[in-house]
């Protein structure tokens, strides 16, 4: 077991694991300075499917978000992390 005790120095959004998944996956992200964070799920048409985290205050740290896609159909989706300084996006795949 390895634990990273260092504080992050940049905003990151890792690839989810497992990917593809059914129905649960996890995605790691880091916040380098205390900030308001949103994480949204979009379909390939750019339609907002879910506000996983909506404008929630985060302190500088490492985080893991669990995503349950039991309500989603098979396909490709996009996870977008939005901070006051930067936006990051990752492609995820749901297989049922």
Protein backbone atom coordinates (compact mmCIF):
# COMPACT_ATOMS: atom_id res chain seq x y z
CA UNK A 1 0.00 0.00 0.00
CA UNK A 2 1.43 3.32 -1.06
CA UNK A 3 0.13 6.63 0.23
CA UNK A 4 1.03 9.93 -1.38
CA UNK A 5 1.41 12.47 1.41
CA UNK A 6 2.54 15.31 -0.85
CA UNK A 7 0.06 17.98 -1.73
CA UNK A 8 -0.70 18.38 -5.44
CA UNK A 9 0.82 21.27 -7.35
CA UNK A 10 -1.45 21.12 -10.41
CA UNK A 11 -5.05 20.37 -11.33
CA UNK A 12 -5.39 16.82 -12.66
CA UNK A 13 -8.16 14.50 -13.82
CA UNK A 14 -6.92 10.93 -14.24
CA UNK A 15 -8.46 8.31 -16.50
CA UNK A 16 -11.24 6.42 -14.74
CA UNK A 17 -10.71 2.83 -13.62
CA UNK A 18 -11.91 0.41 -14.71
CA UNK A 19 -12.66 1.66 -18.20
CA UNK A 20 -14.87 0.47 -19.85
CA UNK A 21 -17.08 -0.22 -16.83
CA UNK A 22 -20.47 -1.49 -15.65
CA UNK A 23 -21.93 -0.08 -13.49
CA UNK A 24 -19.31 1.51 -11.16
CA UNK A 25 -16.01 3.25 -11.90
CA UNK A 26 -13.68 5.60 -10.02
CA UNK A 27 -11.83 8.69 -11.18
CA UNK A 28 -9.00 10.41 -9.33
CA UNK A 29 -8.43 14.15 -9.41
CA UNK A 30 -6.22 16.63 -7.62
CA UNK A 31 -6.85 20.23 -6.63
CA UNK A 32 -3.67 22.33 -6.26
CA UNK A 33 -5.24 25.32 -4.46
CA UNK A 34 -8.49 25.60 -2.53
CA UNK A 35 -11.16 26.21 -5.16
CA UNK A 36 -14.75 25.64 -6.22
CA UNK A 37 -14.93 22.45 -8.32
CA UNK A 38 -17.60 21.03 -10.60
CA UNK A 39 -17.51 17.64 -12.31
CA UNK A 40 -20.10 17.06 -15.03
CA UNK A 41 -20.98 14.08 -17.22
CA UNK A 42 -21.84 14.68 -20.89
CA UNK A 43 -22.92 12.41 -23.74
CA UNK A 44 -21.24 12.48 -27.16
CA UNK A 45 -23.75 15.12 -28.34
CA UNK A 46 -22.52 17.48 -25.63
CA UNK A 47 -25.73 17.19 -23.61
CA UNK A 48 -25.30 17.44 -19.83
CA UNK A 49 -26.30 14.08 -18.33
CA UNK A 50 -25.39 14.59 -14.68
CA UNK A 51 -23.82 17.11 -12.32
CA UNK A 52 -21.64 14.70 -10.32
CA UNK A 53 -20.20 17.55 -8.25
CA UNK A 54 -21.74 20.99 -8.63
CA UNK A 55 -19.64 23.98 -7.54
CA UNK A 56 -18.39 22.41 -4.30
CA UNK A 57 -15.52 23.89 -2.29
CA UNK A 58 -12.39 21.68 -2.28
CA UNK A 59 -9.19 22.21 -0.29
CA UNK A 60 -5.82 21.41 -1.84
CA UNK A 61 -5.72 17.60 -1.90
CA UNK A 62 -6.11 14.33 -3.83
CA UNK A 63 -9.68 13.04 -4.38
CA UNK A 64 -11.45 9.98 -5.78
CA UNK A 65 -14.99 10.14 -7.17
CA UNK A 66 -17.13 7.03 -7.54
CA UNK A 67 -19.44 7.10 -10.55
CA UNK A 68 -22.43 4.75 -10.75
CA UNK A 69 -23.76 4.41 -14.30
CA UNK A 70 -26.66 2.06 -13.59
CA UNK A 71 -29.00 4.60 -15.26
CA UNK A 72 -26.85 5.07 -18.38
CA UNK A 73 -26.98 3.09 -21.60
CA UNK A 74 -23.86 1.61 -23.20
CA UNK A 75 -21.73 4.18 -24.95
CA UNK A 76 -19.07 6.83 -24.70
CA UNK A 77 -19.40 9.74 -22.28
CA UNK A 78 -17.21 12.63 -21.20
CA UNK A 79 -16.29 13.67 -17.66
CA UNK A 80 -15.40 17.37 -17.32
CA UNK A 81 -13.71 18.86 -14.27
CA UNK A 82 -14.18 22.62 -14.01
CA UNK A 83 -12.21 24.88 -11.67
CA UNK A 84 -11.87 28.65 -11.60
CA UNK A 85 -8.57 28.35 -13.52
CA UNK A 86 -8.88 25.40 -15.90
CA UNK A 87 -11.17 22.73 -17.39
CA UNK A 88 -10.10 19.10 -17.94
CA UNK A 89 -11.99 16.37 -19.82
CA UNK A 90 -11.70 12.56 -20.02
CA UNK A 91 -13.55 10.08 -22.21
CA UNK A 92 -15.18 7.11 -20.45
CA UNK A 93 -17.03 4.06 -21.79
CA UNK A 94 -20.03 2.26 -20.32
CA UNK A 95 -20.63 -1.34 -21.42
CA UNK A 96 -23.78 -3.20 -20.40
